[in-house]
């Protein structure tokens, strides 16, 4: 784990945590290397301090004073330990720390319509990035140019749609960068820069709002040549981006806009990429899409599907509503519309404060689900005409 510290003294506190194991030898040695950095980015080892490591498979901690002063460009410290027993010829790097007479600090946080603990949002929703910087040196202090600003970089990492995670070997795409020259907090609003899925030669833009992955923001100190690799990372923030859901709804064995003259068929519903925290249901009302009948629409409640706030990735749904379970919603002949509607935090789905699962995590409060508004994913309008007409001749026996 790399850490960053700003110190005027040249002391480093070191703690080494070693896993419990059967010890062949009584103890192992640990040591700290101090590397002196120069303004051109090069470094040279100026000191190695040895000390006894733990001898009981537990932990060791303490404070060692640096044998060399910290240079104007800072010093880089490494904590190493020897292997145990037959592995004692191998050295393991446990931790690192950067120490400088002056060093900026940075924080990166996010705001979105979904206040979940892990920063996330939906591809069609914007979000805010809050970048804080402090302890930048002023130009008249004699500090090197690299200590007068923070290098800020934005990259994006696309996920595999089949796993909702980064594929092995996936690389981040560079989006943009900038230098921050003043102390304070910058608030940036924008949308994800991930590429859309479904890009083909015929459709180079892909499917709108089908973005899946993470936008990554990092701050670096002491960048010397305009690249992140020449500096020291001092802050990182990631926000996950999930695609907008897609859905289909069909009357089994019927085309859209069908006229039903006999018994009602089953309803088949498919939803792809339902948002991690969401509730999705089928709505039915009399009339064409968006007609006044929608004001009195009914939810086929038994087939609502909900995912708690602790759900971490999009979900897929396949629902069949048997004809016998929705006939009561069509008492009369006429035109009707079915809709698949989803609610997420972006459509007013509130996070519960009292409902928890067995592990104590907040879950979806099924007693207070919204039944109006929401995001309509798809609709299907059909006509019911069960009137029987008989045509024939009246024949007289005379």
Foldseek 3Di string as FASTA:
>chain_A
DEAEDEDQFQKDKDKDFFAADDFPDQWWKKKKWKWAADLVLDIDTDDIGIDTFDRGRGMDIDMDGDPDTADLVWIKMWIWIADGDPRRVDIDTGYIYTYHNFAKAKEKDKAFLDPAPAAEDEQVGKIKIKMFMDRQDDPPPPRDPLSQKKKKFKWWWAPDQVPLHGDVPTDIHGDDIDIGRDGDMDMDMDGDPAQAPQDDPVRNRGDPRQTGTKMKMWIFGSQDPNDRVSTHTRYMGIHTYFGDKAKDKDFPPDDFQEEAQDAGGKIKMKMWFADQFKKKWKKKFADDPPDPRSVVIDTLPVPIDGHWPPRDGGDIDIDIGGSVSCVVVPPDWHKMKMWMFMDDSVFPQDFDDPDADPVRHGTRDVVDDDDDTGDTNDMGMYTYDNDDDDDDDDDDPD
